[in-house]
Amino acid sequence: MSLRSGRERMVQTATFETLGLAIVVPIHAQVSHTPADSSALLVATLAVIVTLWSPLFNTVFDRIDLAWSGRVASDRPHRLRLVHAALLELSALVVTVPVIMHLAGCGLRQALVFDLALTVFYTAFAYVFHLAYDRLRPVRPSAAIA
């Protein structure tokens, strides 16, 4: 059994973050009445943080899943995909709330509301994205373990 290579994991993460930004930045700018460049700076900063966290989390999750079940990520059942997506987003919340408070100049409550809205969106987006990604780019048996 194999896992995705480090290079493939970087492609996966970059694609996920780019699509997420393209969807979230215009919505955030509209809802928060924030200029698009300010919204882009905030959301891009959060994306960088999550981009650094995501490959580590995904690799650890994949290794645990492989060790416990003997299955690769592209064979993961839907229920475990939901757990994976939720845990990724909730773990990122701990790091991103203070960043939102600082960059947006808002209090804890407003930062939590914004971050939770992002978490709900990205949880659903992660599920759909990774399902589609695994269908389009399945793990190959010869892939190097990353």
N, C-alpha and C. Protein backbone atom coordinates (compact mmCIF):
# COMPACT_ATOMS: atom_id res chain seq x y z
N MET A 1 0.84 -1.19 0.00
CA MET A 1 0.00 0.00 0.00
C MET A 1 0.89 1.25 0.00
N SER A 2 0.41 2.29 -0.65
CA SER A 2 1.16 3.53 -0.76
C SER A 2 0.31 4.72 -0.36
N LEU A 3 0.99 5.80 -0.06
CA LEU A 3 0.35 7.08 0.20
C LEU A 3 0.73 8.04 -0.92
N ARG A 4 0.13 9.20 -0.94
CA ARG A 4 0.49 10.21 -1.93
C ARG A 4 1.93 10.66 -1.70
N SER A 5 2.61 11.00 -2.79
CA SER A 5 3.97 11.52 -2.69
C SER A 5 3.92 12.94 -2.13
N GLY A 6 5.05 13.43 -1.67
CA GLY A 6 5.12 14.81 -1.18
C GLY A 6 4.75 15.81 -2.26
N ARG A 7 5.20 15.56 -3.49
CA ARG A 7 4.87 16.44 -4.61
C ARG A 7 3.37 16.43 -4.87
N GLU A 8 2.77 15.26 -4.88
CA GLU A 8 1.33 15.15 -5.12
C GLU A 8 0.55 15.83 -4.00
N ARG A 9 1.02 15.72 -2.77
CA ARG A 9 0.35 16.37 -1.64
C ARG A 9 0.41 17.89 -1.80
N MET A 10 1.53 18.41 -2.31
CA MET A 10 1.63 19.86 -2.53
C MET A 10 0.66 20.32 -3.62
N VAL A 11 0.53 19.54 -4.69
CA VAL A 11 -0.43 19.86 -5.75
C VAL A 11 -1.85 19.86 -5.18
N GLN A 12 -2.16 18.85 -4.40
CA GLN A 12 -3.49 18.74 -3.79
C GLN A 12 -3.78 19.96 -2.92
N THR A 13 -2.85 20.34 -2.07
CA THR A 13 -3.05 21.45 -1.15
C THR A 13 -3.14 22.78 -1.88
N ALA A 14 -2.27 23.00 -2.86
CA ALA A 14 -2.30 24.25 -3.62
C ALA A 14 -3.61 24.40 -4.39
N THR A 15 -4.08 23.33 -4.97
CA THR A 15 -5.34 23.37 -5.70
C THR A 15 -6.50 23.67 -4.76
N PHE A 16 -6.53 23.00 -3.63
CA PHE A 16 -7.58 23.21 -2.63
C PHE A 16 -7.61 24.67 -2.18
N GLU A 17 -6.45 25.22 -1.82
CA GLU A 17 -6.39 26.59 -1.30
C GLU A 17 -6.73 27.62 -2.37
N THR A 18 -6.27 27.42 -3.58
CA THR A 18 -6.55 28.36 -4.66
C THR A 18 -8.05 28.43 -4.95
N LEU A 19 -8.68 27.27 -5.06
CA LEU A 19 -10.13 27.26 -5.30
C LEU A 19 -10.90 27.87 -4.12
N GLY A 20 -10.45 27.56 -2.91
CA GLY A 20 -11.10 28.12 -1.72
C GLY A 20 -11.04 29.64 -1.70
N LEU A 21 -9.86 30.20 -2.00
CA LEU A 21 -9.71 31.66 -2.03
C LEU A 21 -10.61 32.29 -3.09
N ALA A 22 -10.67 31.67 -4.24
CA ALA A 22 -11.49 32.21 -5.34
C ALA A 22 -12.96 32.28 -4.95
N ILE A 23 -13.38 31.40 -4.08
CA ILE A 23 -14.78 31.40 -3.63
C ILE A 23 -14.98 32.35 -2.45
N VAL A 24 -14.09 32.31 -1.45
CA VAL A 24 -14.30 33.01 -0.18
C VAL A 24 -14.03 34.51 -0.25
N VAL A 25 -12.98 34.95 -0.92
CA VAL A 25 -12.61 36.37 -0.90
C VAL A 25 -13.75 37.27 -1.37
N PRO A 26 -14.37 37.01 -2.50
CA PRO A 26 -15.46 37.91 -2.91
C PRO A 26 -16.65 37.89 -1.95
N ILE A 27 -16.93 36.74 -1.40
CA ILE A 27 -18.05 36.64 -0.44
C ILE A 27 -17.73 37.43 0.82
N HIS A 28 -16.51 37.27 1.35
CA HIS A 28 -16.12 37.99 2.56
C HIS A 28 -16.15 39.50 2.33
N ALA A 29 -15.62 39.95 1.22
CA ALA A 29 -15.60 41.38 0.91
C ALA A 29 -17.03 41.94 0.87
N GLN A 30 -17.93 41.20 0.26
CA GLN A 30 -19.32 41.64 0.14
C GLN A 30 -20.02 41.68 1.50
N VAL A 31 -19.90 40.61 2.26
CA VAL A 31 -20.60 40.49 3.54
C VAL A 31 -20.04 41.44 4.59
N SER A 32 -18.73 41.60 4.64
CA SER A 32 -18.10 42.41 5.68
C SER A 32 -17.95 43.88 5.27
N HIS A 33 -18.35 44.20 4.05
CA HIS A 33 -18.18 45.57 3.54
C HIS A 33 -16.73 46.01 3.65
N THR A 34 -15.84 45.08 3.36
CA THR A 34 -14.40 45.31 3.41
C THR A 34 -13.89 45.41 1.98
N PRO A 35 -12.93 46.30 1.74
CA PRO A 35 -12.35 46.34 0.39
C PRO A 35 -11.77 44.97 0.01
N ALA A 36 -11.86 44.64 -1.25
CA ALA A 36 -11.42 43.33 -1.72
C ALA A 36 -9.97 43.05 -1.36
N ASP A 37 -9.10 44.08 -1.41
CA ASP A 37 -7.69 43.83 -1.09
C ASP A 37 -7.50 43.49 0.39
N SER A 38 -8.25 44.14 1.27
CA SER A 38 -8.17 43.82 2.71
C SER A 38 -8.73 42.43 2.98
N SER A 39 -9.82 42.12 2.33
CA SER A 39 -10.41 40.79 2.47
C SER A 39 -9.44 39.74 1.96
N ALA A 40 -8.83 40.02 0.82
CA ALA A 40 -7.87 39.07 0.24
C ALA A 40 -6.67 38.87 1.17
N LEU A 41 -6.17 39.94 1.78
CA LEU A 41 -5.04 39.81 2.71
C LEU A 41 -5.40 38.92 3.89
N LEU A 42 -6.56 39.16 4.49
CA LEU A 42 -6.98 38.36 5.63
C LEU A 42 -7.17 36.90 5.24
N VAL A 43 -7.93 36.67 4.20
CA VAL A 43 -8.24 35.29 3.81
C VAL A 43 -6.97 34.58 3.29
N ALA A 44 -6.11 35.29 2.58
CA ALA A 44 -4.87 34.69 2.09
C ALA A 44 -3.93 34.33 3.25
N THR A 45 -3.87 35.19 4.27
CA THR A 45 -3.05 34.88 5.45
C THR A 45 -3.57 33.62 6.13
N LEU A 46 -4.88 33.53 6.27
CA LEU A 46 -5.47 32.33 6.87
C LEU A 46 -5.17 31.11 6.00
N ALA A 47 -5.23 31.29 4.69
CA ALA A 47 -4.94 30.19 3.77
C ALA A 47 -3.50 29.72 3.90
N VAL A 48 -2.57 30.65 4.07
CA VAL A 48 -1.16 30.27 4.24
C VAL A 48 -1.00 29.44 5.52
N ILE A 49 -1.62 29.90 6.59
CA ILE A 49 -1.54 29.16 7.86
C ILE A 49 -2.09 27.75 7.67
N VAL A 50 -3.26 27.66 7.07
CA VAL A 50 -3.88 26.35 6.88
C VAL A 50 -3.10 25.51 5.85
N THR A 51 -2.51 26.17 4.87
CA THR A 51 -1.70 25.46 3.88
C THR A 51 -0.48 24.81 4.52
N LEU A 52 0.09 25.46 5.49
CA LEU A 52 1.21 24.87 6.21
C LEU A 52 0.75 23.71 7.11
N TRP A 53 -0.42 23.85 7.68
CA TRP A 53 -0.95 22.84 8.59
C TRP A 53 -1.52 21.63 7.84
N SER A 54 -2.22 21.89 6.73
CA SER A 54 -2.97 20.86 6.02
C SER A 54 -2.15 19.65 5.57
N PRO A 55 -1.00 19.83 4.91
CA PRO A 55 -0.26 18.64 4.47
C PRO A 55 0.22 17.78 5.64
N LEU A 56 0.60 18.44 6.73
CA LEU A 56 1.02 17.69 7.91
C LEU A 56 -0.15 16.89 8.47
N PHE A 57 -1.29 17.56 8.66
CA PHE A 57 -2.47 16.89 9.18
C PHE A 57 -2.89 15.74 8.26
N ASN A 58 -2.97 16.01 6.95
CA ASN A 58 -3.41 14.99 6.00
C ASN A 58 -2.49 13.78 5.99
N THR A 59 -1.19 14.01 6.05
CA THR A 59 -0.24 12.90 6.05
C THR A 59 -0.38 12.06 7.31
N VAL A 60 -0.49 12.72 8.46
CA VAL A 60 -0.67 11.98 9.72
C VAL A 60 -1.98 11.21 9.68
N PHE A 61 -3.05 11.85 9.23
CA PHE A 61 -4.35 11.19 9.14
C PHE A 61 -4.27 9.98 8.21
N ASP A 62 -3.64 10.15 7.04
CA ASP A 62 -3.50 9.05 6.08
C ASP A 62 -2.71 7.89 6.67
N ARG A 63 -1.64 8.21 7.37
CA ARG A 63 -0.81 7.14 7.97
C ARG A 63 -1.58 6.38 9.05
N ILE A 64 -2.33 7.11 9.85
CA ILE A 64 -3.14 6.45 10.89
C ILE A 64 -4.20 5.57 10.24
N ASP A 65 -4.88 6.11 9.21
CA ASP A 65 -5.90 5.35 8.50
C ASP A 65 -5.29 4.10 7.87
N LEU A 66 -4.13 4.24 7.24
CA LEU A 66 -3.44 3.10 6.62
C LEU A 66 -3.06 2.06 7.67
N ALA A 67 -2.53 2.53 8.80
CA ALA A 67 -2.10 1.60 9.85
C ALA A 67 -3.29 0.87 10.48
N TRP A 68 -4.39 1.58 10.69
CA TRP A 68 -5.56 0.98 11.34
C TRP A 68 -6.40 0.14 10.41
N SER A 69 -6.50 0.56 9.13
CA SER A 69 -7.43 -0.12 8.24
C SER A 69 -6.77 -0.81 7.05
N GLY A 70 -5.50 -0.45 6.78
CA GLY A 70 -4.83 -0.99 5.61
C GLY A 70 -5.33 -0.40 4.31
N ARG A 71 -5.98 0.76 4.39
CA ARG A 71 -6.61 1.38 3.21
C ARG A 71 -5.91 2.70 2.90
N VAL A 72 -5.80 3.03 1.60
CA VAL A 72 -5.25 4.32 1.17
C VAL A 72 -6.35 5.37 1.14
N ALA A 73 -5.94 6.64 1.06
CA ALA A 73 -6.89 7.76 1.14
C ALA A 73 -7.97 7.69 0.07
N SER A 74 -7.62 7.29 -1.13
CA SER A 74 -8.62 7.27 -2.20
C SER A 74 -9.68 6.19 -2.00
N ASP A 75 -9.44 5.27 -1.07
CA ASP A 75 -10.43 4.24 -0.76
C ASP A 75 -11.20 4.53 0.52
N ARG A 76 -11.02 5.71 1.08
CA ARG A 76 -11.64 6.08 2.35
C ARG A 76 -13.16 6.15 2.22
N PRO A 77 -13.89 5.57 3.19
CA PRO A 77 -15.36 5.63 3.14
C PRO A 77 -15.87 7.05 3.44
N HIS A 78 -17.08 7.33 3.00
CA HIS A 78 -17.65 8.67 3.14
C HIS A 78 -17.71 9.14 4.60
N ARG A 79 -18.07 8.27 5.51
CA ARG A 79 -18.17 8.67 6.92
C ARG A 79 -16.82 9.15 7.45
N LEU A 80 -15.75 8.45 7.10
CA LEU A 80 -14.43 8.86 7.56
C LEU A 80 -13.97 10.13 6.83
N ARG A 81 -14.43 10.34 5.61
CA ARG A 81 -14.14 11.60 4.90
C ARG A 81 -14.74 12.78 5.65
N LEU A 82 -15.93 12.60 6.19
CA LEU A 82 -16.55 13.67 6.98
C LEU A 82 -15.75 13.95 8.25
N VAL A 83 -15.31 12.92 8.93
CA VAL A 83 -14.48 13.08 10.13
C VAL A 83 -13.18 13.80 9.77
N HIS A 84 -12.54 13.35 8.70
CA HIS A 84 -11.28 13.95 8.25
C HIS A 84 -11.45 15.45 8.00
N ALA A 85 -12.46 15.82 7.23
CA ALA A 85 -12.69 17.23 6.89
C ALA A 85 -12.97 18.06 8.14
N ALA A 86 -13.81 17.56 9.03
CA ALA A 86 -14.15 18.30 10.25
C ALA A 86 -12.95 18.48 11.17
N LEU A 87 -12.16 17.43 11.35
CA LEU A 87 -10.99 17.54 12.22
C LEU A 87 -9.95 18.50 11.67
N LEU A 88 -9.76 18.50 10.38
CA LEU A 88 -8.82 19.44 9.76
C LEU A 88 -9.24 20.88 10.04
N GLU A 89 -10.48 21.19 9.79
CA GLU A 89 -10.96 22.56 9.96
C GLU A 89 -10.99 22.98 11.44
N LEU A 90 -11.42 22.10 12.31
CA LEU A 90 -11.48 22.46 13.73
C LEU A 90 -10.10 22.65 14.34
N SER A 91 -9.14 21.86 13.89
CA SER A 91 -7.78 22.02 14.42
C SER A 91 -7.17 23.34 13.95
N ALA A 92 -7.52 23.78 12.76
CA ALA A 92 -7.02 25.05 12.24
C ALA A 92 -7.63 26.24 12.98
N LEU A 93 -8.81 26.08 13.52
CA LEU A 93 -9.51 27.14 14.24
C LEU A 93 -8.67 27.69 15.39
N VAL A 94 -7.98 26.82 16.09
CA VAL A 94 -7.18 27.22 17.25
C VAL A 94 -6.11 28.25 16.87
N VAL A 95 -5.53 28.09 15.72
CA VAL A 95 -4.46 28.97 15.27
C VAL A 95 -5.01 30.23 14.61
N THR A 96 -6.10 30.12 13.91
CA THR A 96 -6.56 31.22 13.08
C THR A 96 -7.38 32.30 13.79
N VAL A 97 -8.06 31.97 14.86
CA VAL A 97 -8.87 32.98 15.56
C VAL A 97 -8.01 34.16 16.03
N PRO A 98 -6.87 33.94 16.67
CA PRO A 98 -6.05 35.10 17.07
C PRO A 98 -5.57 35.92 15.87
N VAL A 99 -5.31 35.29 14.76
CA VAL A 99 -4.87 36.00 13.55
C VAL A 99 -6.00 36.88 13.03
N ILE A 100 -7.21 36.36 13.02
CA ILE A 100 -8.37 37.15 12.58
C ILE A 100 -8.55 38.35 13.49
N MET A 101 -8.46 38.13 14.78
CA MET A 101 -8.61 39.23 15.73
C MET A 101 -7.60 40.34 15.44
N HIS A 102 -6.38 39.95 15.17
CA HIS A 102 -5.32 40.92 14.93
C HIS A 102 -5.50 41.64 13.59
N LEU A 103 -5.65 40.88 12.51
CA LEU A 103 -5.72 41.49 11.18
C LEU A 103 -7.02 42.24 10.92
N ALA A 104 -8.12 41.73 11.45
CA ALA A 104 -9.42 42.38 11.21
C ALA A 104 -9.73 43.42 12.29
N GLY A 105 -8.93 43.44 13.35
CA GLY A 105 -9.18 44.40 14.42
C GLY A 105 -10.51 44.18 15.10
N CYS A 106 -10.86 42.94 15.30
CA CYS A 106 -12.15 42.64 15.91
C CYS A 106 -11.96 41.87 17.21
N GLY A 107 -13.03 41.70 17.93
CA GLY A 107 -13.00 40.97 19.18
C GLY A 107 -13.11 39.46 18.97
N LEU A 108 -13.01 38.77 20.08
CA LEU A 108 -13.05 37.31 20.06
C LEU A 108 -14.35 36.78 19.44
N ARG A 109 -15.46 37.35 19.85
CA ARG A 109 -16.76 36.86 19.35
C ARG A 109 -16.88 36.99 17.83
N GLN A 110 -16.54 38.17 17.31
CA GLN A 110 -16.63 38.39 15.87
C GLN A 110 -15.65 37.49 15.12
N ALA A 111 -14.44 37.33 15.67
CA ALA A 111 -13.45 36.44 15.04
C ALA A 111 -13.94 35.00 15.04
N LEU A 112 -14.54 34.58 16.13
CA LEU A 112 -15.07 33.21 16.20
C LEU A 112 -16.20 32.99 15.20
N VAL A 113 -17.10 33.97 15.09
CA VAL A 113 -18.20 33.84 14.14
C VAL A 113 -17.66 33.72 12.72
N PHE A 114 -16.72 34.60 12.37
CA PHE A 114 -16.14 34.54 11.03
C PHE A 114 -15.40 33.23 10.81
N ASP A 115 -14.61 32.82 11.79
CA ASP A 115 -13.84 31.58 11.64
C ASP A 115 -14.76 30.36 11.59
N LEU A 116 -15.81 30.37 12.38
CA LEU A 116 -16.76 29.25 12.32
C LEU A 116 -17.48 29.20 10.98
N ALA A 117 -17.82 30.38 10.43
CA ALA A 117 -18.42 30.40 9.09
C ALA A 117 -17.44 29.82 8.07
N LEU A 118 -16.16 30.20 8.18
CA LEU A 118 -15.15 29.62 7.30
C LEU A 118 -15.03 28.12 7.52
N THR A 119 -15.09 27.70 8.76
CA THR A 119 -14.97 26.28 9.08
C THR A 119 -16.12 25.49 8.46
N VAL A 120 -17.33 26.00 8.57
CA VAL A 120 -18.47 25.30 7.98
C VAL A 120 -18.30 25.22 6.46
N PHE A 121 -17.93 26.34 5.85
CA PHE A 121 -17.72 26.33 4.41
C PHE A 121 -16.61 25.36 4.02
N TYR A 122 -15.45 25.49 4.66
CA TYR A 122 -14.31 24.67 4.28
C TYR A 122 -14.49 23.19 4.63
N THR A 123 -15.29 22.88 5.62
CA THR A 123 -15.57 21.48 5.92
C THR A 123 -16.34 20.85 4.75
N ALA A 124 -17.39 21.54 4.31
CA ALA A 124 -18.14 21.03 3.17
C ALA A 124 -17.28 21.03 1.91
N PHE A 125 -16.54 22.10 1.70
CA PHE A 125 -15.67 22.21 0.53
C PHE A 125 -14.60 21.11 0.55
N ALA A 126 -14.02 20.84 1.71
CA ALA A 126 -12.99 19.80 1.82
C ALA A 126 -13.55 18.44 1.45
N TYR A 127 -14.74 18.15 1.91
CA TYR A 127 -15.36 16.87 1.58
C TYR A 127 -15.51 16.72 0.07
N VAL A 128 -16.14 17.71 -0.55
CA VAL A 128 -16.38 17.66 -1.99
C VAL A 128 -15.07 17.67 -2.78
N PHE A 129 -14.16 18.56 -2.38
CA PHE A 129 -12.88 18.67 -3.10
C PHE A 129 -12.11 17.36 -3.05
N HIS A 130 -11.93 16.79 -1.85
CA HIS A 130 -11.11 15.58 -1.72
C HIS A 130 -11.77 14.37 -2.38
N LEU A 131 -13.07 14.32 -2.37
CA LEU A 131 -13.76 13.26 -3.08
C LEU A 131 -13.48 13.37 -4.58
N ALA A 132 -13.64 14.58 -5.12
CA ALA A 132 -13.36 14.80 -6.54
C ALA A 132 -11.88 14.58 -6.86
N TYR A 133 -11.00 15.06 -6.00
CA TYR A 133 -9.56 14.92 -6.23
C TYR A 133 -9.16 13.44 -6.27
N ASP A 134 -9.68 12.68 -5.34
CA ASP A 134 -9.36 11.25 -5.30
C ASP A 134 -9.88 10.51 -6.52
N ARG A 135 -11.00 10.98 -7.07
CA ARG A 135 -11.54 10.36 -8.29
C ARG A 135 -10.69 10.73 -9.50
N LEU A 136 -10.26 12.01 -9.54
CA LEU A 136 -9.48 12.49 -10.68
C LEU A 136 -8.01 12.07 -10.62
N ARG A 137 -7.48 11.96 -9.39
CA ARG A 137 -6.06 11.63 -9.22
C ARG A 137 -5.93 10.57 -8.10
N PRO A 138 -6.34 9.33 -8.37
CA PRO A 138 -6.26 8.29 -7.34
C PRO A 138 -4.82 7.99 -6.94
N VAL A 139 -4.65 7.45 -5.75
CA VAL A 139 -3.33 7.05 -5.28
C VAL A 139 -2.87 5.87 -6.13
N ARG A 140 -1.67 5.97 -6.62
CA ARG A 140 -1.10 4.89 -7.44
C ARG A 140 -0.31 3.95 -6.56
N PRO A 141 -0.39 2.65 -6.78
CA PRO A 141 0.35 1.68 -5.94
C PRO A 141 1.84 1.94 -5.86
N SER A 142 2.43 2.56 -6.89
CA SER A 142 3.87 2.81 -6.88
C SER A 142 4.23 4.14 -6.26
N ALA A 143 3.25 4.92 -5.77
CA ALA A 143 3.54 6.24 -5.20
C ALA A 143 4.41 6.08 -3.96
N ALA A 144 5.31 7.03 -3.79
CA ALA A 144 6.20 7.02 -2.62
C ALA A 144 5.45 7.48 -1.39
N ILE A 145 5.75 6.88 -0.27
CA ILE A 145 5.13 7.31 0.99
C ILE A 145 5.74 8.64 1.40
N ALA A 146 4.86 9.61 1.70
CA ALA A 146 5.32 10.94 2.07
C ALA A 146 5.15 11.17 3.54
